[in-house]
Amino acid sequence: MTVLFLLTRGPDPLSSLIIQAQEREHQVTVVDLSSPEVSYDTVIDEIAAHDRVISW
């Protein structure tokens, strides 16, 4: 399963822990939406390409 994590305020200890746990069993991609370098076209493409999307 592919999982996309969208971090709205950047990484924090809890989200990092959850992401690490998910990486053991799934293909994980993380997008930090607080970064000024984020392309929203890329975010839309990533959402469509993943089985599950989790927003923090």
PDB file of N, CA and C in Angstrom:
ATOM      1  N   MET A   1       0.843  -1.161   0.000  1.00  0.00           N
ATOM      2  CA  MET A   1       0.000   0.000   0.000  1.00  0.00           C
ATOM      3  C   MET A   1       0.899   1.238   0.000  1.00  0.00           C
ATOM      4  N   THR A   2       0.475   2.258  -0.721  1.00  0.00           N
ATOM      5  CA  THR A   2       1.209   3.522  -0.738  1.00  0.00           C
ATOM      6  C   THR A   2       0.476   4.525   0.142  1.00  0.00           C
ATOM      7  N   VAL A   3       1.240   5.207   0.991  1.00  0.00           N
ATOM      8  CA  VAL A   3       0.666   6.154   1.944  1.00  0.00           C
ATOM      9  C   VAL A   3       1.345   7.500   1.758  1.00  0.00           C
ATOM     10  N   LEU A   4       0.535   8.546   1.650  1.00  0.00           N
ATOM     11  CA  LEU A   4       1.033   9.911   1.543  1.00  0.00           C
ATOM     12  C   LEU A   4       0.710  10.644   2.829  1.00  0.00           C
ATOM     13  N   PHE A   5       1.716  11.213   3.449  1.00  0.00           N
ATOM     14  CA  PHE A   5       1.531  12.050   4.628  1.00  0.00           C
ATOM     15  C   PHE A   5       1.686  13.502   4.211  1.00  0.00           C
ATOM     16  N   LEU A   6       0.666  14.312   4.466  1.00  0.00           N
ATOM     17  CA  LEU A   6       0.724  15.748   4.221  1.00  0.00           C
ATOM     18  C   LEU A   6       0.877  16.431   5.572  1.00  0.00           C
ATOM     19  N   LEU A   7       2.020  17.058   5.785  1.00  0.00           N
ATOM     20  CA  LEU A   7       2.299  17.720   7.059  1.00  0.00           C
ATOM     21  C   LEU A   7       1.997  19.204   6.904  1.00  0.00           C
ATOM     22  N   THR A   8       0.951  19.668   7.561  1.00  0.00           N
ATOM     23  CA  THR A   8       0.519  21.058   7.386  1.00  0.00           C
ATOM     24  C   THR A   8       1.374  22.044   8.165  1.00  0.00           C
ATOM     25  N   ARG A   9       1.962  21.607   9.267  1.00  0.00           N
ATOM     26  CA  ARG A   9       2.804  22.500  10.081  1.00  0.00           C
ATOM     27  C   ARG A   9       4.222  21.979  10.223  1.00  0.00           C
ATOM     28  N   GLY A  10       4.625  21.137   9.328  1.00  0.00           N
ATOM     29  CA  GLY A  10       5.965  20.569   9.406  1.00  0.00           C
ATOM     30  C   GLY A  10       5.983  19.343  10.294  1.00  0.00           C
ATOM     31  N   PRO A  11       7.111  18.661  10.327  1.00  0.00           N
ATOM     32  CA  PRO A  11       7.212  17.436  11.137  1.00  0.00           C
ATOM     33  C   PRO A  11       7.246  17.753  12.627  1.00  0.00           C
ATOM     34  N   ASP A  12       6.696  16.848  13.415  1.00  0.00           N
ATOM     35  CA  ASP A  12       6.782  16.929  14.871  1.00  0.00           C
ATOM     36  C   ASP A  12       7.098  15.527  15.386  1.00  0.00           C
ATOM     37  N   PRO A  13       7.403  15.382  16.658  1.00  0.00           N
ATOM     38  CA  PRO A  13       7.809  14.055  17.162  1.00  0.00           C
ATOM     39  C   PRO A  13       6.766  12.957  16.933  1.00  0.00           C
ATOM     40  N   LEU A  14       5.490  13.268  17.129  1.00  0.00           N
ATOM     41  CA  LEU A  14       4.462  12.239  16.963  1.00  0.00           C
ATOM     42  C   LEU A  14       4.311  11.831  15.500  1.00  0.00           C
ATOM     43  N   SER A  15       4.247  12.806  14.600  1.00  0.00           N
ATOM     44  CA  SER A  15       4.100  12.450  13.187  1.00  0.00           C
ATOM     45  C   SER A  15       5.315  11.669  12.698  1.00  0.00           C
ATOM     46  N   SER A  16       6.490  12.037  13.147  1.00  0.00           N
ATOM     47  CA  SER A  16       7.704  11.311  12.755  1.00  0.00           C
ATOM     48  C   SER A  16       7.659   9.865  13.227  1.00  0.00           C
ATOM     49  N   LEU A  17       7.166   9.647  14.437  1.00  0.00           N
ATOM     50  CA  LEU A  17       7.047   8.293  14.990  1.00  0.00           C
ATOM     51  C   LEU A  17       6.053   7.460  14.178  1.00  0.00           C
ATOM     52  N   ILE A  18       4.912   8.040  13.854  1.00  0.00           N
ATOM     53  CA  ILE A  18       3.892   7.337  13.075  1.00  0.00           C
ATOM     54  C   ILE A  18       4.410   7.022  11.672  1.00  0.00           C
ATOM     55  N   ILE A  19       5.082   7.983  11.059  1.00  0.00           N
ATOM     56  CA  ILE A  19       5.619   7.776   9.715  1.00  0.00           C
ATOM     57  C   ILE A  19       6.639   6.636   9.717  1.00  0.00           C
ATOM     58  N   GLN A  20       7.520   6.627  10.704  1.00  0.00           N
ATOM     59  CA  GLN A  20       8.519   5.554  10.795  1.00  0.00           C
ATOM     60  C   GLN A  20       7.852   4.196  10.946  1.00  0.00           C
ATOM     61  N   ALA A  21       6.788   4.125  11.734  1.00  0.00           N
ATOM     62  CA  ALA A  21       6.075   2.856  11.908  1.00  0.00           C
ATOM     63  C   ALA A  21       5.421   2.406  10.602  1.00  0.00           C
ATOM     64  N   GLN A  22       4.851   3.334   9.860  1.00  0.00           N
ATOM     65  CA  GLN A  22       4.204   3.009   8.588  1.00  0.00           C
ATOM     66  C   GLN A  22       5.219   2.569   7.535  1.00  0.00           C
ATOM     67  N   GLU A  23       6.421   3.125   7.590  1.00  0.00           N
ATOM     68  CA  GLU A  23       7.462   2.783   6.613  1.00  0.00           C
ATOM     69  C   GLU A  23       7.890   1.321   6.706  1.00  0.00           C
ATOM     70  N   ARG A  24       7.657   0.685   7.832  1.00  0.00           N
ATOM     71  CA  ARG A  24       8.027  -0.726   7.983  1.00  0.00           C
ATOM     72  C   ARG A  24       7.191  -1.637   7.096  1.00  0.00           C
ATOM     73  N   GLU A  25       5.947  -1.229   6.830  1.00  0.00           N
ATOM     74  CA  GLU A  25       5.038  -2.101   6.091  1.00  0.00           C
ATOM     75  C   GLU A  25       4.534  -1.516   4.778  1.00  0.00           C
ATOM     76  N   HIS A  26       4.723  -0.217   4.555  1.00  0.00           N
ATOM     77  CA  HIS A  26       4.145   0.435   3.387  1.00  0.00           C
ATOM     78  C   HIS A  26       5.169   1.341   2.710  1.00  0.00           C
ATOM     79  N   GLN A  27       4.874   1.679   1.461  1.00  0.00           N
ATOM     80  CA  GLN A  27       5.671   2.678   0.761  1.00  0.00           C
ATOM     81  C   GLN A  27       5.116   4.049   1.166  1.00  0.00           C
ATOM     82  N   VAL A  28       5.964   4.881   1.772  1.00  0.00           N
ATOM     83  CA  VAL A  28       5.516   6.150   2.344  1.00  0.00           C
ATOM     84  C   VAL A  28       6.170   7.319   1.625  1.00  0.00           C
ATOM     85  N   THR A  29       5.360   8.355   1.377  1.00  0.00           N
ATOM     86  CA  THR A  29       5.841   9.630   0.855  1.00  0.00           C
ATOM     87  C   THR A  29       5.384  10.713   1.822  1.00  0.00           C
ATOM     88  N   VAL A  30       6.268  11.667   2.099  1.00  0.00           N
ATOM     89  CA  VAL A  30       5.940  12.761   3.018  1.00  0.00           C
ATOM     90  C   VAL A  30       6.086  14.074   2.268  1.00  0.00           C
ATOM     91  N   VAL A  31       5.065  14.927   2.376  1.00  0.00           N
ATOM     92  CA  VAL A  31       5.106  16.260   1.790  1.00  0.00           C
ATOM     93  C   VAL A  31       4.865  17.262   2.913  1.00  0.00           C
ATOM     94  N   ASP A  32       5.823  18.164   3.095  1.00  0.00           N
ATOM     95  CA  ASP A  32       5.717  19.204   4.119  1.00  0.00           C
ATOM     96  C   ASP A  32       5.104  20.446   3.475  1.00  0.00           C
ATOM     97  N   LEU A  33       3.824  20.674   3.748  1.00  0.00           N
ATOM     98  CA  LEU A  33       3.117  21.799   3.139  1.00  0.00           C
ATOM     99  C   LEU A  33       3.552  23.150   3.695  1.00  0.00           C
ATOM    100  N   SER A  34       4.284  23.156   4.797  1.00  0.00           N
ATOM    101  CA  SER A  34       4.767  24.423   5.360  1.00  0.00           C
ATOM    102  C   SER A  34       6.016  24.921   4.636  1.00  0.00           C
ATOM    103  N   SER A  35       6.581  24.091   3.772  1.00  0.00           N
ATOM    104  CA  SER A  35       7.760  24.466   3.005  1.00  0.00           C
ATOM    105  C   SER A  35       7.355  25.383   1.851  1.00  0.00           C
ATOM    106  N   PRO A  36       8.074  26.474   1.659  1.00  0.00           N
ATOM    107  CA  PRO A  36       7.724  27.383   0.554  1.00  0.00           C
ATOM    108  C   PRO A  36       8.010  26.797  -0.829  1.00  0.00           C
ATOM    109  N   GLU A  37       8.711  25.686  -0.876  1.00  0.00           N
ATOM    110  CA  GLU A  37       9.098  25.076  -2.155  1.00  0.00           C
ATOM    111  C   GLU A  37       8.066  24.077  -2.683  1.00  0.00           C
ATOM    112  N   VAL A  38       6.931  23.939  -1.995  1.00  0.00           N
ATOM    113  CA  VAL A  38       5.938  22.941  -2.380  1.00  0.00           C
ATOM    114  C   VAL A  38       5.182  23.402  -3.624  1.00  0.00           C
ATOM    115  N   SER A  39       5.139  22.526  -4.607  1.00  0.00           N
ATOM    116  CA  SER A  39       4.347  22.762  -5.817  1.00  0.00           C
ATOM    117  C   SER A  39       2.988  22.091  -5.610  1.00  0.00           C
ATOM    118  N   TYR A  40       1.931  22.874  -5.637  1.00  0.00           N
ATOM    119  CA  TYR A  40       0.615  22.297  -5.390  1.00  0.00           C
ATOM    120  C   TYR A  40       0.162  21.394  -6.538  1.00  0.00           C
ATOM    121  N   ASP A  41       0.689  21.594  -7.727  1.00  0.00           N
ATOM    122  CA  ASP A  41       0.415  20.648  -8.810  1.00  0.00           C
ATOM    123  C   ASP A  41       0.990  19.283  -8.468  1.00  0.00           C
ATOM    124  N   THR A  42       2.182  19.272  -7.889  1.00  0.00           N
ATOM    125  CA  THR A  42       2.811  18.021  -7.467  1.00  0.00           C
ATOM    126  C   THR A  42       2.007  17.374  -6.340  1.00  0.00           C
ATOM    127  N   VAL A  43       1.507  18.173  -5.408  1.00  0.00           N
ATOM    128  CA  VAL A  43       0.702  17.641  -4.299  1.00  0.00           C
ATOM    129  C   VAL A  43      -0.543  16.944  -4.847  1.00  0.00           C
ATOM    130  N   ILE A  44      -1.213  17.560  -5.792  1.00  0.00           N
ATOM    131  CA  ILE A  44      -2.406  16.943  -6.384  1.00  0.00           C
ATOM    132  C   ILE A  44      -2.044  15.628  -7.072  1.00  0.00           C
ATOM    133  N   ASP A  45      -0.940  15.613  -7.796  1.00  0.00           N
ATOM    134  CA  ASP A  45      -0.492  14.381  -8.447  1.00  0.00           C
ATOM    135  C   ASP A  45      -0.188  13.296  -7.427  1.00  0.00           C
ATOM    136  N   GLU A  46       0.460  13.666  -6.316  1.00  0.00           N
ATOM    137  CA  GLU A  46       0.793  12.694  -5.264  1.00  0.00           C
ATOM    138  C   GLU A  46      -0.471  12.142  -4.612  1.00  0.00           C
ATOM    139  N   ILE A  47      -1.457  12.991  -4.377  1.00  0.00           N
ATOM    140  CA  ILE A  47      -2.712  12.528  -3.776  1.00  0.00           C
ATOM    141  C   ILE A  47      -3.358  11.478  -4.679  1.00  0.00           C
ATOM    142  N   ALA A  48      -3.385  11.746  -5.969  1.00  0.00           N
ATOM    143  CA  ALA A  48      -4.005  10.806  -6.913  1.00  0.00           C
ATOM    144  C   ALA A  48      -3.218   9.501  -7.034  1.00  0.00           C
ATOM    145  N   ALA A  49      -1.911   9.553  -6.797  1.00  0.00           N
ATOM    146  CA  ALA A  49      -1.062   8.380  -6.991  1.00  0.00           C
ATOM    147  C   ALA A  49      -1.002   7.448  -5.784  1.00  0.00           C
ATOM    148  N   HIS A  50      -1.505   7.865  -4.641  1.00  0.00           N
ATOM    149  CA  HIS A  50      -1.388   7.060  -3.421  1.00  0.00           C
ATOM    150  C   HIS A  50      -2.714   6.409  -3.042  1.00  0.00           C
ATOM    151  N   ASP A  51      -2.607   5.274  -2.348  1.00  0.00           N
ATOM    152  CA  ASP A  51      -3.797   4.545  -1.894  1.00  0.00           C
ATOM    153  C   ASP A  51      -4.435   5.231  -0.689  1.00  0.00           C
ATOM    154  N   ARG A  52      -3.634   5.820   0.154  1.00  0.00           N
ATOM    155  CA  ARG A  52      -4.121   6.448   1.381  1.00  0.00           C
ATOM    156  C   ARG A  52      -3.407   7.776   1.573  1.00  0.00           C
ATOM    157  N   VAL A  53      -4.166   8.790   2.010  1.00  0.00           N
ATOM    158  CA  VAL A  53      -3.604  10.115   2.283  1.00  0.00           C
ATOM    159  C   VAL A  53      -3.946  10.490   3.731  1.00  0.00           C
ATOM    160  N   ILE A  54      -2.911  10.862   4.485  1.00  0.00           N
ATOM    161  CA  ILE A  54      -3.096  11.251   5.882  1.00  0.00           C
ATOM    162  C   ILE A  54      -2.562  12.665   6.038  1.00  0.00           C
ATOM    163  N   SER A  55      -3.391  13.536   6.581  1.00  0.00           N
ATOM    164  CA  SER A  55      -3.011  14.923   6.784  1.00  0.00           C
ATOM    165  C   SER A  55      -2.812  15.184   8.274  1.00  0.00           C
ATOM    166  N   TRP A  56      -1.690  15.838   8.607  1.00  0.00           N
ATOM    167  CA  TRP A  56      -1.398  16.193   9.997  1.00  0.00           C
ATOM    168  C   TRP A  56      -1.518  17.670  10.152  1.00  0.00           C
TER     169      TRP A  56
END
